[in-house]
Amino acid sequence: MTMDAEVQNHARTLAQRSPDHLRVGPFTVRHNPNWSIKYANYAIPDQDAEPTPADLDALVAAFREHDRLPRLEFLPGAAPAVEPALLAAGFTVENRAPIMACAPDGLLTPKQVDSLTITEPATDAELAAAALVQHHGYGGTGEPEAGVADWLRTAARDGGVAALAMVDGVPAGAGGCSVPVDGLTELAGLAVADAYRRRGIGAALSAHLTATAFERGCRVVWLEPGDADVERIYAGIGFRRIGEKLNISLEPA
């Protein structure tokens, strides 16, 4: 199996393991009842899926029923017929994001950051601090939904990784690596607080998460960088492009 196919299988398998996932035609819907952000709620097509208009109508209805934006994230090569069908149904491409991956022999050591400590959050207070950094880092206001901390807690408990970066005792960054599937894990939710950006904390935190995942038996860590600047940070610690993921959604009429 090619690396991009493994990445798609990893994402689909994790979604199917969730007790809240939905099956709609040839799609698995990752549904988070306690986390409404669009990045935590999306569908993944089956390998080589060929959805009918009725399948897509049912998919949109399922998202609307659960008060979520109809949205998919997938590697187009895994199901070539899906993107044309979605476009014909009125979906709009959000972006085509690179997928990057790193193996143990490719990880590079980033520069040291003064006064930085990185630990695995374990207590409710530590998980809440990590979730708050992530929530604000992705543009949220106020307090995060319960699903943010739940994701970190589950990742650390079930073989993945959670991390909280502190500078002089103040929460400065957070992120995690998902529950592994066949030795693959996704580095996700990485965020650095506004006041601590451009200090190398993102690179240090990413390298820590990746190294810890390898120590726990993972053979590949993959991720989706948010933009070109973030991609350069990951490239600087050894991640390389392996494919492209389509993010596509249907806005309300």
C-alpha atoms as a PDB file:
ATOM      1  CA  MET A   1       0.000   0.000   0.000  1.00  0.00           C
ATOM      2  CA  THR A   2       1.331   3.442  -0.917  1.00  0.00           C
ATOM      3  CA  MET A   3       1.893   6.009   1.813  1.00  0.00           C
ATOM      4  CA  ASP A   4      -0.981   8.239   0.709  1.00  0.00           C
ATOM      5  CA  ALA A   5      -3.314   5.226   0.704  1.00  0.00           C
ATOM      6  CA  GLU A   6      -2.153   4.357   4.221  1.00  0.00           C
ATOM      7  CA  VAL A   7      -2.884   7.908   5.359  1.00  0.00           C
ATOM      8  CA  GLN A   8      -6.408   7.743   3.935  1.00  0.00           C
ATOM      9  CA  ASN A   9      -6.981   4.358   5.573  1.00  0.00           C
ATOM     10  CA  HIS A  10      -5.749   5.732   8.908  1.00  0.00           C
ATOM     11  CA  ALA A  11      -8.190   8.638   8.851  1.00  0.00           C
ATOM     12  CA  ARG A  12     -11.115   6.453   7.801  1.00  0.00           C
ATOM     13  CA  THR A  13     -10.368   3.763  10.402  1.00  0.00           C
ATOM     14  CA  LEU A  14     -10.214   6.296  13.238  1.00  0.00           C
ATOM     15  CA  ALA A  15     -13.535   7.776  12.135  1.00  0.00           C
ATOM     16  CA  GLN A  16     -15.124   4.325  12.036  1.00  0.00           C
ATOM     17  CA  ARG A  17     -13.881   3.538  15.546  1.00  0.00           C
ATOM     18  CA  SER A  18     -15.710   6.532  16.992  1.00  0.00           C
ATOM     19  CA  PRO A  19     -18.994   5.569  18.703  1.00  0.00           C
ATOM     20  CA  ASP A  20     -20.579   8.681  17.184  1.00  0.00           C
ATOM     21  CA  HIS A  21     -19.622   8.084  13.550  1.00  0.00           C
ATOM     22  CA  LEU A  22     -22.273   7.781  10.854  1.00  0.00           C
ATOM     23  CA  ARG A  23     -22.453   5.574   7.778  1.00  0.00           C
ATOM     24  CA  VAL A  24     -24.241   7.213   4.851  1.00  0.00           C
ATOM     25  CA  GLY A  25     -24.047   5.356   1.531  1.00  0.00           C
ATOM     26  CA  PRO A  26     -20.353   4.975   0.595  1.00  0.00           C
ATOM     27  CA  PHE A  27     -19.258   7.512   3.236  1.00  0.00           C
ATOM     28  CA  THR A  28     -18.049   7.409   6.818  1.00  0.00           C
ATOM     29  CA  VAL A  29     -18.948  10.613   8.658  1.00  0.00           C
ATOM     30  CA  ARG A  30     -16.711  11.682  11.517  1.00  0.00           C
ATOM     31  CA  HIS A  31     -19.206  13.315  13.870  1.00  0.00           C
ATOM     32  CA  ASN A  32     -18.203  15.065  17.091  1.00  0.00           C
ATOM     33  CA  PRO A  33     -21.291  15.887  19.174  1.00  0.00           C
ATOM     34  CA  ASN A  34     -19.204  17.878  21.687  1.00  0.00           C
ATOM     35  CA  TRP A  35     -17.048  19.764  19.190  1.00  0.00           C
ATOM     36  CA  SER A  36     -18.783  21.760  16.458  1.00  0.00           C
ATOM     37  CA  ILE A  37     -15.677  23.084  14.640  1.00  0.00           C
ATOM     38  CA  LYS A  38     -15.815  22.066  10.999  1.00  0.00           C
ATOM     39  CA  TYR A  39     -12.378  20.433  11.101  1.00  0.00           C
ATOM     40  CA  ALA A  40     -13.705  17.863  13.588  1.00  0.00           C
ATOM     41  CA  ASN A  41     -16.778  16.951  11.506  1.00  0.00           C
ATOM     42  CA  TYR A  42     -16.397  15.649   7.962  1.00  0.00           C
ATOM     43  CA  ALA A  43     -17.009  12.664   5.697  1.00  0.00           C
ATOM     44  CA  ILE A  44     -14.498  10.301   4.107  1.00  0.00           C
ATOM     45  CA  PRO A  45     -15.494   8.236   1.053  1.00  0.00           C
ATOM     46  CA  ASP A  46     -14.864   4.527   0.789  1.00  0.00           C
ATOM     47  CA  GLN A  47     -12.015   3.425  -1.444  1.00  0.00           C
ATOM     48  CA  ASP A  48     -13.057   3.905  -5.092  1.00  0.00           C
ATOM     49  CA  ALA A  49     -16.529   5.122  -4.060  1.00  0.00           C
ATOM     50  CA  GLU A  50     -18.921   6.151  -6.841  1.00  0.00           C
ATOM     51  CA  PRO A  51     -21.722   8.047  -5.064  1.00  0.00           C
ATOM     52  CA  THR A  52     -25.092   8.576  -6.692  1.00  0.00           C
ATOM     53  CA  PRO A  53     -27.069  11.849  -6.425  1.00  0.00           C
ATOM     54  CA  ALA A  54     -29.265  10.070  -3.865  1.00  0.00           C
ATOM     55  CA  ASP A  55     -26.175   9.199  -1.802  1.00  0.00           C
ATOM     56  CA  LEU A  56     -25.102  12.844  -1.768  1.00  0.00           C
ATOM     57  CA  ASP A  57     -28.599  14.045  -0.846  1.00  0.00           C
ATOM     58  CA  ALA A  58     -28.563  11.627   2.093  1.00  0.00           C
ATOM     59  CA  LEU A  59     -25.087  12.791   3.109  1.00  0.00           C
ATOM     60  CA  VAL A  60     -26.084  16.457   3.118  1.00  0.00           C
ATOM     61  CA  ALA A  61     -29.243  15.630   5.073  1.00  0.00           C
ATOM     62  CA  ALA A  62     -27.215  13.764   7.712  1.00  0.00           C
ATOM     63  CA  PHE A  63     -24.943  16.760   8.267  1.00  0.00           C
ATOM     64  CA  ARG A  64     -27.880  19.178   8.411  1.00  0.00           C
ATOM     65  CA  GLU A  65     -29.725  16.913  10.843  1.00  0.00           C
ATOM     66  CA  HIS A  66     -26.764  17.083  13.227  1.00  0.00           C
ATOM     67  CA  ASP A  67     -26.338  20.849  12.753  1.00  0.00           C
ATOM     68  CA  ARG A  68     -23.021  20.500  10.976  1.00  0.00           C
ATOM     69  CA  LEU A  69     -21.621  21.899   7.731  1.00  0.00           C
ATOM     70  CA  PRO A  70     -21.692  19.255   4.958  1.00  0.00           C
ATOM     71  CA  ARG A  71     -17.994  18.720   4.429  1.00  0.00           C
ATOM     72  CA  LEU A  72     -15.481  16.112   3.243  1.00  0.00           C
ATOM     73  CA  GLU A  73     -11.743  15.613   3.666  1.00  0.00           C
ATOM     74  CA  PHE A  74     -10.091  12.961   1.527  1.00  0.00           C
ATOM     75  CA  LEU A  75      -7.294  12.144  -0.879  1.00  0.00           C
ATOM     76  CA  PRO A  76      -8.840  12.399  -4.372  1.00  0.00           C
ATOM     77  CA  GLY A  77      -6.758   9.536  -5.722  1.00  0.00           C
ATOM     78  CA  ALA A  78      -8.442   7.151  -3.279  1.00  0.00           C
ATOM     79  CA  ALA A  79     -11.864   7.811  -4.828  1.00  0.00           C
ATOM     80  CA  PRO A  80     -11.539   9.638  -8.176  1.00  0.00           C
ATOM     81  CA  ALA A  81     -15.280   9.713  -8.903  1.00  0.00           C
ATOM     82  CA  VAL A  82     -16.194  11.589  -5.719  1.00  0.00           C
ATOM     83  CA  GLU A  83     -14.901  15.087  -6.435  1.00  0.00           C
ATOM     84  CA  PRO A  84     -16.754  15.475  -9.784  1.00  0.00           C
ATOM     85  CA  ALA A  85     -19.954  14.250  -8.139  1.00  0.00           C
ATOM     86  CA  LEU A  86     -19.577  16.728  -5.275  1.00  0.00           C
ATOM     87  CA  LEU A  87     -18.901  19.648  -7.618  1.00  0.00           C
ATOM     88  CA  ALA A  88     -21.975  18.745  -9.661  1.00  0.00           C
ATOM     89  CA  ALA A  89     -23.997  18.781  -6.420  1.00  0.00           C
ATOM     90  CA  GLY A  90     -22.879  22.340  -5.610  1.00  0.00           C
ATOM     91  CA  PHE A  91     -19.981  21.690  -3.238  1.00  0.00           C
ATOM     92  CA  THR A  92     -17.116  24.197  -3.256  1.00  0.00           C
ATOM     93  CA  VAL A  93     -13.444  23.381  -2.872  1.00  0.00           C
ATOM     94  CA  GLU A  94     -12.031  24.983   0.294  1.00  0.00           C
ATOM     95  CA  ASN A  95      -8.451  24.116  -0.568  1.00  0.00           C
ATOM     96  CA  ARG A  96      -6.119  21.376  -1.720  1.00  0.00           C
ATOM     97  CA  ALA A  97      -3.805  20.824   1.187  1.00  0.00           C
ATOM     98  CA  PRO A  98      -0.454  19.067   1.065  1.00  0.00           C
ATOM     99  CA  ILE A  99      -0.036  15.954   3.166  1.00  0.00           C
ATOM    100  CA  MET A 100       3.369  15.560   4.814  1.00  0.00           C
ATOM    101  CA  ALA A 101       4.945  12.615   6.603  1.00  0.00           C
ATOM    102  CA  CYS A 102       8.045  11.760   8.582  1.00  0.00           C
ATOM    103  CA  ALA A 103       9.680   8.440   9.489  1.00  0.00           C
ATOM    104  CA  PRO A 104      12.030   7.932  12.452  1.00  0.00           C
ATOM    105  CA  ASP A 105      15.194   8.259  10.382  1.00  0.00           C
ATOM    106  CA  GLY A 106      14.017  11.569   8.898  1.00  0.00           C
ATOM    107  CA  LEU A 107      13.292  13.576  12.046  1.00  0.00           C
ATOM    108  CA  LEU A 108      15.580  16.579  12.562  1.00  0.00           C
ATOM    109  CA  THR A 109      16.301  18.422  15.818  1.00  0.00           C
ATOM    110  CA  PRO A 110      15.007  22.021  15.906  1.00  0.00           C
ATOM    111  CA  LYS A 111      16.777  24.884  17.648  1.00  0.00           C
ATOM    112  CA  GLN A 112      16.456  25.126  21.407  1.00  0.00           C
ATOM    113  CA  VAL A 113      13.940  27.614  22.811  1.00  0.00           C
ATOM    114  CA  ASP A 114      14.863  29.373  26.055  1.00  0.00           C
ATOM    115  CA  SER A 115      12.672  28.694  29.091  1.00  0.00           C
ATOM    116  CA  LEU A 116      10.532  26.187  27.151  1.00  0.00           C
ATOM    117  CA  THR A 117       9.286  23.008  28.814  1.00  0.00           C
ATOM    118  CA  ILE A 118       7.030  20.433  27.149  1.00  0.00           C
ATOM    119  CA  THR A 119       5.016  17.922  29.167  1.00  0.00           C
ATOM    120  CA  GLU A 120       2.107  15.575  28.595  1.00  0.00           C
ATOM    121  CA  PRO A 121      -1.062  17.024  30.154  1.00  0.00           C
ATOM    122  CA  ALA A 122      -2.650  14.516  32.520  1.00  0.00           C
ATOM    123  CA  THR A 123      -4.813  16.383  35.019  1.00  0.00           C
ATOM    124  CA  ASP A 124      -8.077  18.067  34.119  1.00  0.00           C
ATOM    125  CA  ALA A 125      -6.434  21.460  34.709  1.00  0.00           C
ATOM    126  CA  GLU A 126      -3.528  20.644  32.369  1.00  0.00           C
ATOM    127  CA  LEU A 127      -5.843  19.317  29.665  1.00  0.00           C
ATOM    128  CA  ALA A 128      -8.029  22.409  30.000  1.00  0.00           C
ATOM    129  CA  ALA A 129      -4.975  24.655  29.616  1.00  0.00           C
ATOM    130  CA  ALA A 130      -3.882  22.782  26.489  1.00  0.00           C
ATOM    131  CA  ALA A 131      -7.407  22.887  25.043  1.00  0.00           C
ATOM    132  CA  LEU A 132      -7.644  26.637  25.676  1.00  0.00           C
ATOM    133  CA  VAL A 133      -4.401  27.290  23.789  1.00  0.00           C
ATOM    134  CA  GLN A 134      -5.686  25.213  20.859  1.00  0.00           C
ATOM    135  CA  HIS A 135      -9.097  26.883  20.898  1.00  0.00           C
ATOM    136  CA  HIS A 136      -7.685  30.407  20.813  1.00  0.00           C
ATOM    137  CA  GLY A 137      -4.922  29.397  18.400  1.00  0.00           C
ATOM    138  CA  TYR A 138      -7.553  28.401  15.844  1.00  0.00           C
ATOM    139  CA  GLY A 139      -9.458  31.633  16.196  1.00  0.00           C
ATOM    140  CA  GLY A 140     -11.937  30.708  18.899  1.00  0.00           C
ATOM    141  CA  THR A 141     -13.094  33.000  21.679  1.00  0.00           C
ATOM    142  CA  GLY A 142     -14.174  32.293  25.231  1.00  0.00           C
ATOM    143  CA  GLU A 143     -13.902  28.733  26.510  1.00  0.00           C
ATOM    144  CA  PRO A 144     -13.380  25.671  24.264  1.00  0.00           C
ATOM    145  CA  GLU A 145     -15.972  22.959  23.812  1.00  0.00           C
ATOM    146  CA  ALA A 146     -15.494  19.714  25.744  1.00  0.00           C
ATOM    147  CA  GLY A 147     -14.420  17.849  22.620  1.00  0.00           C
ATOM    148  CA  VAL A 148     -11.087  19.686  22.430  1.00  0.00           C
ATOM    149  CA  ALA A 149      -9.781  18.319  25.733  1.00  0.00           C
ATOM    150  CA  ASP A 150     -11.482  14.960  25.090  1.00  0.00           C
ATOM    151  CA  TRP A 151      -9.443  14.507  21.909  1.00  0.00           C
ATOM    152  CA  LEU A 152      -6.167  15.128  23.735  1.00  0.00           C
ATOM    153  CA  ARG A 153      -7.164  12.839  26.608  1.00  0.00           C
ATOM    154  CA  THR A 154      -8.125   9.999  24.266  1.00  0.00           C
ATOM    155  CA  ALA A 155      -4.972  10.353  22.180  1.00  0.00           C
ATOM    156  CA  ALA A 156      -2.671  10.096  25.191  1.00  0.00           C
ATOM    157  CA  ARG A 157      -4.654   7.262  26.751  1.00  0.00           C
ATOM    158  CA  ASP A 158      -4.841   5.079  23.646  1.00  0.00           C
ATOM    159  CA  GLY A 159      -1.281   5.165  22.326  1.00  0.00           C
ATOM    160  CA  GLY A 160      -1.071   8.606  20.752  1.00  0.00           C
ATOM    161  CA  VAL A 161       0.495  11.714  22.290  1.00  0.00           C
ATOM    162  CA  ALA A 162      -0.677  14.952  23.895  1.00  0.00           C
ATOM    163  CA  ALA A 163       1.657  17.828  24.709  1.00  0.00           C
ATOM    164  CA  LEU A 164       1.516  21.165  26.490  1.00  0.00           C
ATOM    165  CA  ALA A 165       4.326  23.688  25.976  1.00  0.00           C
ATOM    166  CA  MET A 166       5.060  26.156  28.752  1.00  0.00           C
ATOM    167  CA  VAL A 167       7.306  29.223  28.797  1.00  0.00           C
ATOM    168  CA  ASP A 168       8.209  30.361  32.300  1.00  0.00           C
ATOM    169  CA  GLY A 169       5.199  28.454  33.579  1.00  0.00           C
ATOM    170  CA  VAL A 170       2.703  30.020  31.149  1.00  0.00           C
ATOM    171  CA  PRO A 171       0.851  27.828  28.591  1.00  0.00           C
ATOM    172  CA  ALA A 172       2.319  28.720  25.200  1.00  0.00           C
ATOM    173  CA  GLY A 173       1.452  25.859  22.854  1.00  0.00           C
ATOM    174  CA  ALA A 174      -0.335  22.534  22.585  1.00  0.00           C
ATOM    175  CA  GLY A 175      -0.959  19.703  20.170  1.00  0.00           C
ATOM    176  CA  GLY A 176      -1.283  15.968  19.825  1.00  0.00           C
ATOM    177  CA  CYS A 177      -0.762  12.847  17.770  1.00  0.00           C
ATOM    178  CA  SER A 178      -3.857  10.752  17.171  1.00  0.00           C
ATOM    179  CA  VAL A 179      -4.457   7.169  18.197  1.00  0.00           C
ATOM    180  CA  PRO A 180      -2.217   5.084  15.901  1.00  0.00           C
ATOM    181  CA  VAL A 181      -3.526   2.667  13.272  1.00  0.00           C
ATOM    182  CA  ASP A 182      -1.049   0.153  11.825  1.00  0.00           C
ATOM    183  CA  GLY A 183       1.833   2.314  13.024  1.00  0.00           C
ATOM    184  CA  LEU A 184       0.518   5.593  11.561  1.00  0.00           C
ATOM    185  CA  THR A 185      -0.505   8.608  13.613  1.00  0.00           C
ATOM    186  CA  GLU A 186      -1.613  12.122  12.655  1.00  0.00           C
ATOM    187  CA  LEU A 187      -0.006  15.175  14.242  1.00  0.00           C
ATOM    188  CA  ALA A 188      -2.961  17.507  14.651  1.00  0.00           C
ATOM    189  CA  GLY A 189      -4.342  20.458  16.567  1.00  0.00           C
ATOM    190  CA  LEU A 190      -0.960  22.104  16.984  1.00  0.00           C
ATOM    191  CA  ALA A 191      -1.345  25.696  18.138  1.00  0.00           C
ATOM    192  CA  VAL A 192       0.909  28.368  19.617  1.00  0.00           C
ATOM    193  CA  ALA A 193      -0.504  31.277  21.612  1.00  0.00           C
ATOM    194  CA  ASP A 194      -0.282  34.646  19.848  1.00  0.00           C
ATOM    195  CA  ALA A 195       2.188  36.109  22.344  1.00  0.00           C
ATOM    196  CA  TYR A 196       4.645  33.248  21.788  1.00  0.00           C
ATOM    197  CA  ARG A 197       4.693  32.894  18.006  1.00  0.00           C
ATOM    198  CA  ARG A 198       7.829  33.191  15.867  1.00  0.00           C
ATOM    199  CA  ARG A 199      10.072  31.920  18.652  1.00  0.00           C
ATOM    200  CA  GLY A 200      10.511  28.366  17.397  1.00  0.00           C
ATOM    201  CA  ILE A 201       7.933  26.900  19.774  1.00  0.00           C
ATOM    202  CA  GLY A 202       5.868  25.355  16.964  1.00  0.00           C
ATOM    203  CA  ALA A 203       8.892  23.504  15.582  1.00  0.00           C
ATOM    204  CA  ALA A 204      10.020  22.378  19.049  1.00  0.00           C
ATOM    205  CA  LEU A 205       6.536  21.172  19.968  1.00  0.00           C
ATOM    206  CA  SER A 206       6.094  19.355  16.641  1.00  0.00           C
ATOM    207  CA  ALA A 207       9.467  17.623  16.983  1.00  0.00           C
ATOM    208  CA  HIS A 208       8.627  16.581  20.552  1.00  0.00           C
ATOM    209  CA  LEU A 209       5.264  15.123  19.527  1.00  0.00           C
ATOM    210  CA  THR A 210       6.809  13.299  16.584  1.00  0.00           C
ATOM    211  CA  ALA A 211       9.723  11.881  18.592  1.00  0.00           C
ATOM    212  CA  THR A 212       7.371  10.725  21.350  1.00  0.00           C
ATOM    213  CA  ALA A 213       5.125   8.995  18.807  1.00  0.00           C
ATOM    214  CA  PHE A 214       8.149   7.127  17.465  1.00  0.00           C
ATOM    215  CA  GLU A 215       9.166   6.149  20.995  1.00  0.00           C
ATOM    216  CA  ARG A 216       5.692   4.678  21.469  1.00  0.00           C
ATOM    217  CA  GLY A 217       6.044   2.464  18.421  1.00  0.00           C
ATOM    218  CA  CYS A 218       4.717   4.517  15.518  1.00  0.00           C
ATOM    219  CA  ARG A 219       6.536   4.171  12.211  1.00  0.00           C
ATOM    220  CA  VAL A 220       5.084   7.211  10.423  1.00  0.00           C
ATOM    221  CA  VAL A 221       3.725  10.552  11.599  1.00  0.00           C
ATOM    222  CA  TRP A 222       1.663  12.480   9.044  1.00  0.00           C
ATOM    223  CA  LEU A 223       0.009  15.884   9.056  1.00  0.00           C
ATOM    224  CA  GLU A 224      -1.719  18.580   7.030  1.00  0.00           C
ATOM    225  CA  PRO A 225       0.044  21.963   7.300  1.00  0.00           C
ATOM    226  CA  GLY A 226      -2.230  24.977   7.536  1.00  0.00           C
ATOM    227  CA  ASP A 227      -0.353  27.135   5.017  1.00  0.00           C
ATOM    228  CA  ALA A 228       2.992  27.565   3.241  1.00  0.00           C
ATOM    229  CA  ASP A 229       4.680  29.123   6.281  1.00  0.00           C
ATOM    230  CA  VAL A 230       3.609  26.221   8.483  1.00  0.00           C
ATOM    231  CA  GLU A 231       4.717  23.757   5.818  1.00  0.00           C
ATOM    232  CA  ARG A 232       8.205  25.273   5.942  1.00  0.00           C
ATOM    233  CA  ILE A 233       8.318  24.773   9.704  1.00  0.00           C
ATOM    234  CA  TYR A 234       7.478  21.090   9.348  1.00  0.00           C
ATOM    235  CA  ALA A 235       9.925  20.678   6.470  1.00  0.00           C
ATOM    236  CA  GLY A 236      12.598  22.103   8.763  1.00  0.00           C
ATOM    237  CA  ILE A 237      12.200  19.167  11.146  1.00  0.00           C
ATOM    238  CA  GLY A 238      12.124  16.490   8.464  1.00  0.00           C
ATOM    239  CA  PHE A 239       8.561  16.223   7.144  1.00  0.00           C
ATOM    240  CA  ARG A 240       8.165  15.767   3.384  1.00  0.00           C
ATOM    241  CA  ARG A 241       5.185  15.988   1.005  1.00  0.00           C
ATOM    242  CA  ILE A 242       3.598  12.648   0.116  1.00  0.00           C
ATOM    243  CA  GLY A 243       0.320  13.720  -1.466  1.00  0.00           C
ATOM    244  CA  GLU A 244      -2.586  16.142  -1.485  1.00  0.00           C
ATOM    245  CA  LYS A 245      -5.885  16.196   0.395  1.00  0.00           C
ATOM    246  CA  LEU A 246      -9.089  17.798  -0.821  1.00  0.00           C
ATOM    247  CA  ASN A 247     -11.150  19.811   1.656  1.00  0.00           C
ATOM    248  CA  ILE A 248     -14.582  20.543   0.184  1.00  0.00           C
ATOM    249  CA  SER A 249     -17.881  21.707   1.635  1.00  0.00           C
ATOM    250  CA  LEU A 250     -21.445  22.820   0.843  1.00  0.00           C
ATOM    251  CA  GLU A 251     -22.364  26.188   2.290  1.00  0.00           C
ATOM    252  CA  PRO A 252     -25.988  26.838   3.293  1.00  0.00           C
ATOM    253  CA  ALA A 253     -28.207  28.063   0.465  1.00  0.00           C
END
